[in-house]
Amino acid sequence: MIASEPSRPELNPIGVVESPLTDPAAAPKQGTEGGPEAWLVFEPGVLDGLREVEPGERVIVLTWLDRARRDVLRVHPRDDPANPERGVFSTRSAERPNPIGLHEVGVVAVEGNRVLVTDMEALDGTPIVDLKPVI
């Protein structure tokens, strides 16, 4: 039997973040550090997946941090040169080989293909790759 090559991961964005945040330097490092309300705007083809997402729930939004550098393996945590350099896999840095963002947010409202959330530190236009409940 001939072993086949493993398939390469493929991400298909399911929506986009609409946020007042546009400047990475001004964005909070974590949503609980002043992340504003933002809208998650979903593609029409995935709307059935939003059923049962209700206001008051906490969800995890996975994003593709499209403006992050992908060639960085060591960072000063929180972009503070006073912090000793660490490997990116031991930090929450956006800059990493696969810049997947992880955001725990609160659902405020669901309106058609739009979900209003709290504590979202992602920038305006950030692609959404998944949404999961907090368990």
N, C-alpha and C. Protein backbone atom coordinates (compact mmCIF):
# COMPACT_ATOMS: atom_id res chain seq x y z
N MET A 1 0.84 -1.17 0.00
CA MET A 1 0.00 0.00 0.00
C MET A 1 0.90 1.24 0.00
N ILE A 2 0.61 2.18 -0.84
CA ILE A 2 1.39 3.41 -0.95
C ILE A 2 0.77 4.47 -0.03
N ALA A 3 1.62 5.04 0.82
CA ALA A 3 1.13 6.09 1.72
C ALA A 3 0.87 7.36 0.92
N SER A 4 -0.25 7.96 1.16
CA SER A 4 -0.56 9.21 0.47
C SER A 4 0.00 10.39 1.27
N GLU A 5 0.22 11.47 0.57
CA GLU A 5 0.69 12.68 1.22
C GLU A 5 -0.43 13.22 2.11
N PRO A 6 -0.07 13.72 3.30
CA PRO A 6 -1.12 14.31 4.13
C PRO A 6 -1.70 15.55 3.46
N SER A 7 -2.97 15.77 3.67
CA SER A 7 -3.59 16.94 3.06
C SER A 7 -3.13 18.20 3.78
N ARG A 8 -3.05 19.28 3.04
CA ARG A 8 -2.67 20.56 3.63
C ARG A 8 -3.93 21.22 4.19
N PRO A 9 -3.79 21.83 5.36
CA PRO A 9 -4.96 22.51 5.93
C PRO A 9 -5.46 23.61 5.00
N GLU A 10 -6.76 23.77 4.98
CA GLU A 10 -7.36 24.82 4.17
C GLU A 10 -8.38 25.55 5.03
N LEU A 11 -8.22 26.85 5.16
CA LEU A 11 -9.15 27.67 5.92
C LEU A 11 -10.02 28.47 4.97
N ASN A 12 -11.30 28.45 5.21
CA ASN A 12 -12.23 29.26 4.45
C ASN A 12 -12.92 30.21 5.41
N PRO A 13 -12.60 31.50 5.34
CA PRO A 13 -13.26 32.44 6.26
C PRO A 13 -14.78 32.34 6.16
N ILE A 14 -15.41 32.42 7.34
CA ILE A 14 -16.87 32.33 7.39
C ILE A 14 -17.50 33.69 7.66
N GLY A 15 -16.67 34.70 7.84
CA GLY A 15 -17.17 36.04 8.11
C GLY A 15 -16.03 36.99 8.36
N VAL A 16 -16.39 38.17 8.87
CA VAL A 16 -15.41 39.22 9.10
C VAL A 16 -15.82 40.01 10.35
N VAL A 17 -14.83 40.56 11.03
CA VAL A 17 -15.06 41.40 12.20
C VAL A 17 -15.27 42.84 11.73
N GLU A 18 -16.33 43.47 12.22
CA GLU A 18 -16.53 44.91 12.03
C GLU A 18 -16.30 45.57 13.39
N SER A 19 -15.20 46.30 13.51
CA SER A 19 -14.77 46.84 14.80
C SER A 19 -14.33 48.28 14.65
N PRO A 20 -14.44 49.07 15.73
CA PRO A 20 -13.87 50.42 15.67
C PRO A 20 -12.34 50.40 15.73
N LEU A 21 -11.73 49.25 16.03
CA LEU A 21 -10.27 49.14 16.11
C LEU A 21 -9.66 49.02 14.72
N THR A 22 -8.77 49.95 14.38
CA THR A 22 -8.11 49.90 13.08
C THR A 22 -6.59 49.95 13.18
N ASP A 23 -6.08 50.38 14.32
CA ASP A 23 -4.63 50.54 14.51
C ASP A 23 -4.13 49.45 15.45
N PRO A 24 -3.30 48.52 14.97
CA PRO A 24 -2.81 47.46 15.84
C PRO A 24 -2.11 47.98 17.10
N ALA A 25 -1.40 49.08 17.00
CA ALA A 25 -0.68 49.62 18.16
C ALA A 25 -1.64 50.13 19.24
N ALA A 26 -2.84 50.54 18.85
CA ALA A 26 -3.80 51.08 19.81
C ALA A 26 -4.77 50.03 20.34
N ALA A 27 -4.75 48.84 19.76
CA ALA A 27 -5.68 47.79 20.18
C ALA A 27 -5.23 47.17 21.49
N PRO A 28 -6.18 46.79 22.35
CA PRO A 28 -5.79 46.11 23.59
C PRO A 28 -5.17 44.75 23.28
N LYS A 29 -4.30 44.29 24.19
CA LYS A 29 -3.66 42.98 24.00
C LYS A 29 -4.63 41.84 24.21
N GLN A 30 -5.61 42.03 25.11
CA GLN A 30 -6.64 41.02 25.37
C GLN A 30 -7.98 41.75 25.39
N GLY A 31 -9.03 41.06 25.03
CA GLY A 31 -10.35 41.67 24.99
C GLY A 31 -10.81 42.21 26.32
N THR A 32 -10.42 41.56 27.40
CA THR A 32 -10.84 42.01 28.73
C THR A 32 -10.06 43.24 29.20
N GLU A 33 -9.15 43.71 28.38
CA GLU A 33 -8.36 44.91 28.70
C GLU A 33 -8.86 46.12 27.90
N GLY A 34 -10.16 46.16 27.66
CA GLY A 34 -10.74 47.30 26.96
C GLY A 34 -11.18 47.01 25.55
N GLY A 35 -11.34 45.74 25.20
CA GLY A 35 -11.85 45.40 23.87
C GLY A 35 -13.27 45.94 23.71
N PRO A 36 -13.55 46.65 22.63
CA PRO A 36 -14.88 47.22 22.45
C PRO A 36 -15.90 46.20 21.96
N GLU A 37 -17.14 46.64 21.88
CA GLU A 37 -18.14 45.83 21.19
C GLU A 37 -17.79 45.84 19.71
N ALA A 38 -18.10 44.74 19.05
CA ALA A 38 -17.84 44.62 17.62
C ALA A 38 -18.90 43.70 17.03
N TRP A 39 -19.11 43.84 15.75
CA TRP A 39 -20.02 42.95 15.03
C TRP A 39 -19.23 41.85 14.35
N LEU A 40 -19.72 40.63 14.45
CA LEU A 40 -19.22 39.52 13.67
C LEU A 40 -20.22 39.36 12.53
N VAL A 41 -19.76 39.53 11.32
CA VAL A 41 -20.65 39.48 10.16
C VAL A 41 -20.35 38.20 9.38
N PHE A 42 -21.34 37.31 9.32
CA PHE A 42 -21.14 35.98 8.75
C PHE A 42 -21.60 35.89 7.30
N GLU A 43 -20.94 35.02 6.55
CA GLU A 43 -21.30 34.76 5.16
C GLU A 43 -22.66 34.07 5.12
N PRO A 44 -23.46 34.34 4.08
CA PRO A 44 -24.79 33.72 3.99
C PRO A 44 -24.78 32.20 4.04
N GLY A 45 -23.76 31.56 3.51
CA GLY A 45 -23.71 30.10 3.45
C GLY A 45 -23.52 29.41 4.79
N VAL A 46 -23.22 30.16 5.86
CA VAL A 46 -23.00 29.53 7.17
C VAL A 46 -24.05 29.93 8.20
N LEU A 47 -25.08 30.65 7.77
CA LEU A 47 -26.06 31.18 8.73
C LEU A 47 -26.77 30.10 9.54
N ASP A 48 -26.98 28.93 8.95
CA ASP A 48 -27.64 27.87 9.71
C ASP A 48 -26.81 27.47 10.92
N GLY A 49 -25.51 27.67 10.86
CA GLY A 49 -24.63 27.36 11.98
C GLY A 49 -24.78 28.32 13.15
N LEU A 50 -25.42 29.46 12.95
CA LEU A 50 -25.63 30.42 14.04
C LEU A 50 -26.87 30.11 14.86
N ARG A 51 -27.67 29.15 14.41
CA ARG A 51 -28.87 28.80 15.18
C ARG A 51 -28.46 28.40 16.59
N GLU A 52 -29.22 28.80 17.55
CA GLU A 52 -29.00 28.55 18.98
C GLU A 52 -27.86 29.39 19.59
N VAL A 53 -27.23 30.27 18.84
CA VAL A 53 -26.31 31.23 19.45
C VAL A 53 -27.18 32.35 20.00
N GLU A 54 -27.12 32.57 21.31
CA GLU A 54 -28.06 33.47 21.98
C GLU A 54 -27.34 34.56 22.78
N PRO A 55 -27.99 35.73 22.91
CA PRO A 55 -27.44 36.77 23.78
C PRO A 55 -27.23 36.22 25.20
N GLY A 56 -26.15 36.67 25.83
CA GLY A 56 -25.81 36.22 27.18
C GLY A 56 -24.80 35.08 27.20
N GLU A 57 -24.62 34.42 26.06
CA GLU A 57 -23.64 33.32 26.00
C GLU A 57 -22.23 33.87 25.85
N ARG A 58 -21.25 33.06 26.23
CA ARG A 58 -19.84 33.33 25.96
C ARG A 58 -19.43 32.38 24.84
N VAL A 59 -18.74 32.92 23.86
CA VAL A 59 -18.27 32.11 22.74
C VAL A 59 -16.81 32.42 22.47
N ILE A 60 -16.17 31.50 21.78
CA ILE A 60 -14.78 31.70 21.35
C ILE A 60 -14.82 31.94 19.85
N VAL A 61 -14.25 33.07 19.45
CA VAL A 61 -14.14 33.41 18.03
C VAL A 61 -12.70 33.10 17.61
N LEU A 62 -12.55 32.30 16.58
CA LEU A 62 -11.24 32.03 16.01
C LEU A 62 -11.10 32.89 14.76
N THR A 63 -10.03 33.65 14.70
CA THR A 63 -9.81 34.54 13.57
C THR A 63 -8.47 34.24 12.91
N TRP A 64 -8.31 34.74 11.71
CA TRP A 64 -7.03 34.70 11.01
C TRP A 64 -6.45 36.10 11.10
N LEU A 65 -5.37 36.25 11.85
CA LEU A 65 -4.78 37.56 12.08
C LEU A 65 -3.97 37.97 10.85
N ASP A 66 -4.69 38.44 9.86
CA ASP A 66 -4.16 38.64 8.52
C ASP A 66 -3.07 39.71 8.41
N ARG A 67 -2.93 40.56 9.41
CA ARG A 67 -1.89 41.59 9.36
C ARG A 67 -0.67 41.22 10.18
N ALA A 68 -0.68 40.05 10.79
CA ALA A 68 0.45 39.61 11.63
C ALA A 68 1.59 39.08 10.77
N ARG A 69 2.80 39.22 11.28
CA ARG A 69 3.97 38.62 10.64
C ARG A 69 3.96 37.12 10.91
N ARG A 70 4.39 36.34 9.94
CA ARG A 70 4.40 34.88 10.07
C ARG A 70 5.81 34.32 10.21
N ASP A 71 6.81 35.18 10.19
CA ASP A 71 8.20 34.72 10.26
C ASP A 71 8.82 34.93 11.64
N VAL A 72 8.01 35.24 12.63
CA VAL A 72 8.51 35.54 13.97
C VAL A 72 8.36 34.31 14.86
N LEU A 73 9.43 33.95 15.54
CA LEU A 73 9.39 32.82 16.47
C LEU A 73 9.71 33.21 17.91
N ARG A 74 10.26 34.42 18.11
CA ARG A 74 10.57 34.89 19.47
C ARG A 74 10.07 36.32 19.58
N VAL A 75 9.48 36.63 20.74
CA VAL A 75 8.93 37.97 20.96
C VAL A 75 9.19 38.41 22.40
N HIS A 76 9.10 39.70 22.62
CA HIS A 76 9.05 40.25 23.97
C HIS A 76 7.57 40.28 24.33
N PRO A 77 7.12 39.50 25.32
CA PRO A 77 5.70 39.49 25.67
C PRO A 77 5.13 40.89 25.86
N ARG A 78 3.93 41.07 25.34
CA ARG A 78 3.18 42.32 25.40
C ARG A 78 3.91 43.46 24.67
N ASP A 79 4.82 43.09 23.73
CA ASP A 79 5.60 44.07 22.97
C ASP A 79 6.41 45.00 23.86
N ASP A 80 6.80 44.52 25.03
CA ASP A 80 7.55 45.32 25.98
C ASP A 80 8.99 44.83 26.02
N PRO A 81 9.95 45.62 25.50
CA PRO A 81 11.34 45.20 25.48
C PRO A 81 11.90 44.89 26.87
N ALA A 82 11.26 45.36 27.93
CA ALA A 82 11.72 45.06 29.29
C ALA A 82 11.42 43.60 29.65
N ASN A 83 10.47 42.97 28.96
CA ASN A 83 10.16 41.56 29.20
C ASN A 83 11.15 40.69 28.44
N PRO A 84 11.69 39.66 29.08
CA PRO A 84 12.64 38.78 28.37
C PRO A 84 11.96 38.12 27.17
N GLU A 85 12.75 37.95 26.12
CA GLU A 85 12.25 37.31 24.91
C GLU A 85 11.79 35.88 25.20
N ARG A 86 10.70 35.48 24.54
CA ARG A 86 10.16 34.11 24.71
C ARG A 86 9.78 33.57 23.34
N GLY A 87 9.68 32.26 23.24
CA GLY A 87 9.16 31.65 22.03
C GLY A 87 7.69 31.95 21.87
N VAL A 88 7.24 32.19 20.64
CA VAL A 88 5.84 32.61 20.43
C VAL A 88 4.84 31.58 20.92
N PHE A 89 5.21 30.30 20.95
CA PHE A 89 4.25 29.28 21.37
C PHE A 89 3.99 29.31 22.88
N SER A 90 4.79 30.11 23.61
CA SER A 90 4.53 30.28 25.04
C SER A 90 3.89 31.63 25.33
N THR A 91 3.40 32.30 24.27
CA THR A 91 2.78 33.61 24.42
C THR A 91 1.47 33.65 23.63
N ARG A 92 0.76 34.76 23.77
CA ARG A 92 -0.46 35.01 22.99
C ARG A 92 -0.17 35.96 21.83
N SER A 93 1.08 36.12 21.45
CA SER A 93 1.45 37.04 20.37
C SER A 93 0.68 36.71 19.10
N ALA A 94 0.28 37.75 18.38
CA ALA A 94 -0.38 37.57 17.09
C ALA A 94 0.63 37.11 16.04
N GLU A 95 1.88 37.48 16.23
CA GLU A 95 2.91 37.16 15.25
C GLU A 95 3.44 35.76 15.52
N ARG A 96 3.18 34.86 14.57
CA ARG A 96 3.53 33.45 14.73
C ARG A 96 3.34 32.78 13.36
N PRO A 97 3.85 31.56 13.18
CA PRO A 97 3.76 30.91 11.86
C PRO A 97 2.33 30.79 11.32
N ASN A 98 1.38 30.46 12.16
CA ASN A 98 -0.02 30.40 11.77
C ASN A 98 -0.80 31.33 12.69
N PRO A 99 -1.05 32.56 12.25
CA PRO A 99 -1.61 33.58 13.14
C PRO A 99 -3.11 33.41 13.37
N ILE A 100 -3.44 32.41 14.18
CA ILE A 100 -4.83 32.15 14.52
C ILE A 100 -5.13 32.90 15.82
N GLY A 101 -6.14 33.76 15.77
CA GLY A 101 -6.56 34.50 16.95
C GLY A 101 -7.61 33.73 17.73
N LEU A 102 -7.56 33.84 19.04
CA LEU A 102 -8.50 33.17 19.94
C LEU A 102 -9.09 34.25 20.84
N HIS A 103 -10.40 34.48 20.74
CA HIS A 103 -11.05 35.58 21.43
C HIS A 103 -12.28 35.06 22.17
N GLU A 104 -12.25 35.12 23.51
CA GLU A 104 -13.46 34.78 24.26
C GLU A 104 -14.27 36.06 24.42
N VAL A 105 -15.50 36.02 23.92
CA VAL A 105 -16.36 37.21 23.90
C VAL A 105 -17.74 36.87 24.43
N GLY A 106 -18.49 37.91 24.77
CA GLY A 106 -19.88 37.74 25.18
C GLY A 106 -20.81 38.14 24.06
N VAL A 107 -21.86 37.35 23.85
CA VAL A 107 -22.85 37.66 22.81
C VAL A 107 -23.86 38.65 23.39
N VAL A 108 -24.02 39.79 22.71
CA VAL A 108 -24.96 40.82 23.12
C VAL A 108 -26.26 40.71 22.33
N ALA A 109 -26.14 40.50 21.02
CA ALA A 109 -27.32 40.44 20.15
C ALA A 109 -27.01 39.60 18.92
N VAL A 110 -28.05 39.01 18.37
CA VAL A 110 -27.94 38.27 17.11
C VAL A 110 -29.01 38.86 16.18
N GLU A 111 -28.56 39.42 15.07
CA GLU A 111 -29.46 40.05 14.11
C GLU A 111 -29.14 39.56 12.70
N GLY A 112 -29.88 38.56 12.26
CA GLY A 112 -29.64 37.99 10.93
C GLY A 112 -28.26 37.38 10.85
N ASN A 113 -27.43 37.93 9.96
CA ASN A 113 -26.08 37.38 9.78
C ASN A 113 -25.04 38.11 10.63
N ARG A 114 -25.51 38.91 11.60
CA ARG A 114 -24.61 39.71 12.44
C ARG A 114 -24.78 39.35 13.90
N VAL A 115 -23.65 39.22 14.59
CA VAL A 115 -23.64 38.93 16.02
C VAL A 115 -22.83 40.02 16.70
N LEU A 116 -23.48 40.76 17.61
CA LEU A 116 -22.79 41.80 18.38
C LEU A 116 -22.15 41.15 19.60
N VAL A 117 -20.85 41.40 19.78
CA VAL A 117 -20.12 40.79 20.90
C VAL A 117 -19.36 41.86 21.70
N THR A 118 -19.03 41.51 22.94
CA THR A 118 -18.23 42.38 23.81
C THR A 118 -16.79 41.87 23.83
N ASP A 119 -15.90 42.72 24.30
CA ASP A 119 -14.51 42.32 24.59
C ASP A 119 -13.75 41.80 23.37
N MET A 120 -13.99 42.38 22.20
CA MET A 120 -13.33 41.90 20.98
C MET A 120 -12.15 42.79 20.64
N GLU A 121 -10.93 42.22 20.69
CA GLU A 121 -9.73 43.01 20.43
C GLU A 121 -9.22 42.88 19.00
N ALA A 122 -9.94 42.15 18.14
CA ALA A 122 -9.51 42.00 16.74
C ALA A 122 -9.78 43.29 15.96
N LEU A 123 -8.95 43.54 14.98
CA LEU A 123 -9.08 44.74 14.16
C LEU A 123 -10.21 44.62 13.15
N ASP A 124 -10.70 45.77 12.73
CA ASP A 124 -11.73 45.83 11.70
C ASP A 124 -11.24 45.10 10.44
N GLY A 125 -12.09 44.24 9.90
CA GLY A 125 -11.74 43.51 8.67
C GLY A 125 -11.07 42.17 8.91
N THR A 126 -10.82 41.80 10.16
CA THR A 126 -10.17 40.52 10.46
C THR A 126 -11.07 39.36 10.05
N PRO A 127 -10.57 38.41 9.26
CA PRO A 127 -11.39 37.26 8.87
C PRO A 127 -11.71 36.34 10.06
N ILE A 128 -12.95 35.86 10.09
CA ILE A 128 -13.39 34.89 11.10
C ILE A 128 -13.28 33.50 10.48
N VAL A 129 -12.67 32.56 11.21
CA VAL A 129 -12.56 31.20 10.70
C VAL A 129 -13.44 30.18 11.44
N ASP A 130 -13.89 30.52 12.67
CA ASP A 130 -14.78 29.60 13.38
C ASP A 130 -15.36 30.30 14.60
N LEU A 131 -16.41 29.71 15.14
CA LEU A 131 -17.07 30.18 16.35
C LEU A 131 -17.44 28.95 17.15
N LYS A 132 -17.08 28.96 18.44
CA LYS A 132 -17.33 27.79 19.30
C LYS A 132 -17.87 28.25 20.64
N PRO A 133 -18.69 27.44 21.29
CA PRO A 133 -19.16 27.81 22.62
C PRO A 133 -18.05 27.64 23.66
N VAL A 134 -18.10 28.44 24.70
CA VAL A 134 -17.21 28.25 25.84
C VAL A 134 -17.82 27.13 26.67
N ILE A 135 -17.02 26.11 26.98
CA ILE A 135 -17.54 25.00 27.79
C ILE A 135 -16.68 24.80 29.01
